[in-house]
Structure formats: structure tokens, C-alpha cells
Protein backbone atom coordinates (compact mmCIF):
# COMPACT_ATOMS: atom_id res chain seq x y z
CA MET A 1 -24.23 -45.86 82.50
CA LEU A 2 -20.96 -43.93 82.41
CA ALA A 3 -18.95 -47.08 83.15
CA GLN A 4 -20.73 -48.90 80.34
CA ARG A 5 -19.98 -46.08 77.92
CA TRP A 6 -16.29 -46.16 78.87
CA MET A 7 -16.23 -49.91 78.29
CA TRP A 8 -17.66 -49.32 74.80
CA ILE A 9 -14.58 -47.22 74.16
CA VAL A 10 -11.77 -48.97 76.05
CA TRP A 11 -12.49 -52.67 75.42
CA PRO A 12 -12.60 -52.58 71.59
CA ALA A 13 -9.55 -50.32 71.65
CA PHE A 14 -7.71 -52.86 73.83
CA LEU A 15 -8.52 -55.71 71.46
CA THR A 16 -7.54 -53.67 68.41
CA ALA A 17 -4.26 -52.62 70.04
CA ALA A 18 -3.47 -56.26 70.77
CA VAL A 19 -4.06 -57.23 67.14
CA MET A 20 -2.02 -54.25 65.90
CA GLU A 21 0.81 -55.24 68.25
CA MET A 22 0.86 -58.78 66.86
CA LEU A 23 0.76 -57.62 63.25
CA VAL A 24 3.43 -54.93 63.56
CA PHE A 25 5.92 -56.98 65.54
CA ALA A 26 5.43 -60.05 63.38
CA PHE A 27 7.34 -58.09 60.74
CA VAL A 28 9.45 -55.61 62.74
CA ASP A 29 12.10 -56.41 65.32
CA PRO A 30 12.00 -53.67 67.98
CA LEU A 31 15.79 -53.62 68.26
CA ASP A 32 16.00 -52.68 64.56
CA LEU A 33 14.22 -49.41 65.34
CA HIS A 34 16.77 -46.65 65.87
CA TRP A 35 15.00 -44.95 68.77
CA VAL A 36 14.79 -48.23 70.72
CA ALA A 37 18.42 -49.10 70.14
CA ASP A 38 19.64 -45.57 70.95
CA MET A 39 17.78 -45.48 74.25
CA GLY A 40 19.01 -48.91 75.29
CA TRP A 41 15.53 -50.36 75.72
CA SER A 42 14.82 -54.05 75.67
CA ARG A 43 12.43 -55.71 73.25
CA GLN A 44 9.87 -56.06 76.02
CA GLY A 45 10.06 -52.33 76.76
CA ALA A 46 9.44 -51.52 73.10
CA TYR A 47 6.54 -53.97 72.97
CA THR A 48 5.00 -52.39 76.06
CA LEU A 49 5.38 -48.82 74.83
CA ALA A 50 4.02 -49.70 71.40
CA PHE A 51 1.02 -51.48 72.92
CA PHE A 52 0.09 -48.46 75.03
CA VAL A 53 0.54 -46.11 72.07
CA PHE A 54 -1.67 -48.34 69.91
CA TRP A 55 -4.22 -48.56 72.74
CA LEU A 56 -4.26 -44.80 73.20
CA MET A 57 -4.70 -44.12 69.48
CA THR A 58 -7.52 -46.62 69.05
CA ALA A 59 -9.20 -45.43 72.25
CA LEU A 60 -9.12 -41.86 70.95
CA SER A 61 -10.68 -43.06 67.71
CA SER A 62 -13.45 -44.86 69.59
CA LEU A 63 -13.95 -41.86 71.86
CA MET A 64 -14.34 -39.55 68.88
CA THR A 65 -16.82 -41.95 67.25
CA ASN A 66 -18.83 -42.11 70.47
CA TRP A 67 -18.75 -38.32 70.84
CA LEU A 68 -19.83 -37.69 67.25
CA GLY A 69 -22.62 -40.24 67.66
CA SER A 70 -23.89 -38.47 70.76
CA LEU A 71 -23.89 -35.14 68.90
CA SER A 72 -26.13 -36.56 66.21
CA LEU A 73 -28.74 -37.90 68.65
CA PRO A 74 -30.64 -34.61 69.03
CA VAL A 75 -30.57 -34.10 65.27
CA LEU A 76 -31.94 -37.59 64.63
CA GLN A 77 -34.66 -37.11 67.25
CA GLU A 78 -35.66 -33.84 65.59
CA ILE A 79 -35.83 -35.48 62.15
CA ARG A 80 -38.05 -38.30 63.43
CA ARG A 81 -40.67 -35.86 64.78
């Protein structure tokens, strides 16, 4: 059950991060970003870092939604009685 719950969090976050990556870098060249150019990173390095940042942020959002939903379960069960 724990693995299934983690997949509820990680898989949608992965898909959302992939879409965000495509949308952001369709309009922004990573080498135009100052922090990428100053560090001497390649485009692929910037794409990779951005993907993991997007994945982390969307996973945290899904985790918080899951956590808040689990907090409301006892309240909902009490209301239904």
C-alpha cells in the first residue's frame, strides 16, 4: 500500500515536470540564463537540473495534497456517523 501511495505522488509529478520542461524551454534558451552561462554548464545540464527541480516541486505539491487528504479522513468519517 505504501508503494502505491508513493506512485500516486511521484508519477503525476513526473508527467507534470516533463510538460513544464517542454513548455519552459520552448520559449527560453538555457544558455541565455545568467546562472547557467556563468557556471559554464551545457544546455543538457540546465535541462536536467530544471527537470529535477520541476519534479521536486510538483512532487511536494502532490505530497502535500495527499497528506491534507489523509488528515481529513477521520473528520469525514466522524461527519458520516
